[in-house]
């Protein structure tokens, strides 16, 4: 698994932290990913963009982590955006009834 974090300005000048998640998002990786996601919210309020385009597997624990992250973000003045979720992530969001819960972005904004 690969995790990367970028910080900067994004859409409408809002602060944006981008966390790239690659590989499996499951019981064996969630604590490490959680640590990165939550530390990305330590900065100023703004967008937490979770790039899920390279996630090849996600289980219920991974889905739960996304929900937990979203709840923490809202409580701390952040907004979670799932960027280019892979087909497997989209399928699990749909099966879990969470397709409308998250803000999804599939294309870069100019």
Foldseek 3Di string as FASTA:
>chain_A
DDWDWDWDAADPRFTEIEIEDAEEQEPVCPVVVLVVLVVSLPDDAEEYEYEQQHYPYYDPVSVVSVVVSQVVNVVSRHAYEYEQHHPNVCVVCVVVVNNPVHHYHDDGDD
